[in-house]
Amino acid sequence: MRRNYRSVIPWGTNPHNEPEEENNLMLVLSRKPKESIVINGNVTVSVLRVDNDNVRIGIEAPMEVPVMREEIYNEISQNNQAAAGSADAKLKIKQLVNN
């Protein structure tokens, strides 16, 4: 039987009790090893193995879809923001010097 709804929980109710954005929702699914989910028809996330607190997943996605661990993504974002701020500061200094 097909259901017309999805199970979602607010970001703020994650298992680690970390603050999250309130307006976002998370689809929560249960999968067993060797089971998968498909996202947008072109990304497949498979559970390969579960050992205690460690879940090994496999991700099949087109090359143009960036896939990275969250901590790496956050570090790249922070570095990009810092670099953009530095570039803005240099531009302002240059404008002040030229005036």
Protein backbone atom coordinates (compact mmCIF):
# COMPACT_ATOMS: atom_id res chain seq x y z
CA MET A 1 0.00 0.00 0.00
CA ARG A 2 1.43 3.37 -0.97
CA ARG A 3 1.28 6.19 1.55
CA ASN A 4 0.70 9.80 0.57
CA TYR A 5 3.02 11.21 3.22
CA ARG A 6 6.63 11.03 4.37
CA SER A 7 7.90 10.65 7.90
CA VAL A 8 9.83 13.76 8.80
CA ILE A 9 11.28 15.19 11.99
CA PRO A 10 12.42 18.78 12.60
CA TRP A 11 16.19 19.34 12.41
CA GLY A 12 16.24 20.39 16.07
CA THR A 13 15.31 16.90 17.25
CA ASN A 14 18.42 15.07 16.09
CA PRO A 15 19.90 12.32 18.27
CA HIS A 16 22.93 14.44 19.19
CA ASN A 17 20.77 17.35 20.45
CA GLU A 18 22.79 19.76 18.34
CA PRO A 19 21.08 23.03 17.39
CA GLU A 20 19.85 23.02 13.82
CA GLU A 21 17.78 25.26 11.60
CA GLU A 22 14.13 25.09 12.65
CA ASN A 23 12.57 25.38 9.19
CA ASN A 24 14.26 22.33 7.67
CA LEU A 25 12.85 18.82 7.82
CA MET A 26 14.66 15.50 7.72
CA LEU A 27 13.31 12.38 6.10
CA VAL A 28 14.16 9.47 8.40
CA LEU A 29 14.39 5.99 6.88
CA SER A 30 15.43 2.62 8.25
CA ARG A 31 17.63 0.40 6.09
CA LYS A 32 19.36 -2.90 6.69
CA PRO A 33 22.75 -3.90 5.27
CA LYS A 34 22.64 -4.37 1.48
CA GLU A 35 19.52 -2.14 1.23
CA SER A 36 19.54 1.22 -0.53
CA ILE A 37 17.67 4.44 -1.08
CA VAL A 38 17.55 6.42 -4.32
CA ILE A 39 17.62 10.22 -4.34
CA ASN A 40 16.33 12.16 -7.34
CA GLY A 41 16.72 9.10 -9.58
CA ASN A 42 20.48 9.51 -9.95
CA VAL A 43 21.98 9.12 -6.45
CA THR A 44 21.95 5.78 -4.66
CA VAL A 45 22.93 5.47 -0.99
CA SER A 46 23.52 1.87 0.14
CA VAL A 47 24.13 0.48 3.61
CA LEU A 48 27.12 -1.81 3.21
CA ARG A 49 27.83 -2.85 6.80
CA VAL A 50 26.83 -2.02 10.36
CA ASP A 51 29.34 -2.65 13.18
CA ASN A 52 28.38 -1.38 16.65
CA ASP A 53 28.34 2.44 16.25
CA ASN A 54 29.91 2.40 12.78
CA VAL A 55 27.78 2.39 9.63
CA ARG A 56 29.58 1.91 6.32
CA ILE A 57 27.68 3.39 3.39
CA GLY A 58 28.28 3.48 -0.33
CA ILE A 59 27.19 6.38 -2.52
CA GLU A 60 26.74 6.19 -6.28
CA ALA A 61 26.32 9.64 -7.83
CA PRO A 62 27.17 11.43 -11.07
CA MET A 63 30.60 13.07 -11.09
CA GLU A 64 29.01 16.54 -11.15
CA VAL A 65 27.27 15.90 -7.82
CA PRO A 66 29.66 16.79 -4.98
CA VAL A 67 29.65 14.18 -2.20
CA MET A 68 31.71 14.76 0.94
CA ARG A 69 31.67 14.21 4.66
CA GLU A 70 29.87 16.97 6.57
CA GLU A 71 32.94 18.04 8.54
CA ILE A 72 34.93 18.46 5.32
CA TYR A 73 32.08 20.43 3.71
CA ASN A 74 31.87 22.73 6.76
CA GLU A 75 35.63 23.33 6.74
CA ILE A 76 35.60 24.21 3.04
CA SER A 77 32.65 26.58 3.58
CA GLN A 78 34.41 28.32 6.47
CA ASN A 79 37.61 28.69 4.45
CA ASN A 80 35.63 30.11 1.50
CA GLN A 81 33.85 32.62 3.76
CA ALA A 82 37.15 33.67 5.33
CA ALA A 83 38.74 34.09 1.90
CA ALA A 84 35.76 36.12 0.65
CA GLY A 85 35.99 38.35 3.73
CA SER A 86 39.70 38.84 3.15
CA ALA A 87 39.11 39.72 -0.51
CA ASP A 88 36.41 42.23 0.51
CA ALA A 89 38.77 43.84 3.02
CA LYS A 90 41.54 44.12 0.40
CA LEU A 91 39.10 45.72 -2.06
CA LYS A 92 37.98 48.28 0.54
CA ILE A 93 41.58 49.15 1.40
CA LYS A 94 42.40 49.53 -2.30
CA GLN A 95 39.38 51.81 -2.77
CA LEU A 96 40.45 53.94 0.20
CA VAL A 97 44.00 54.25 -1.10
CA ASN A 98 42.83 55.22 -4.60
CA ASN A 99 40.52 57.95 -3.30
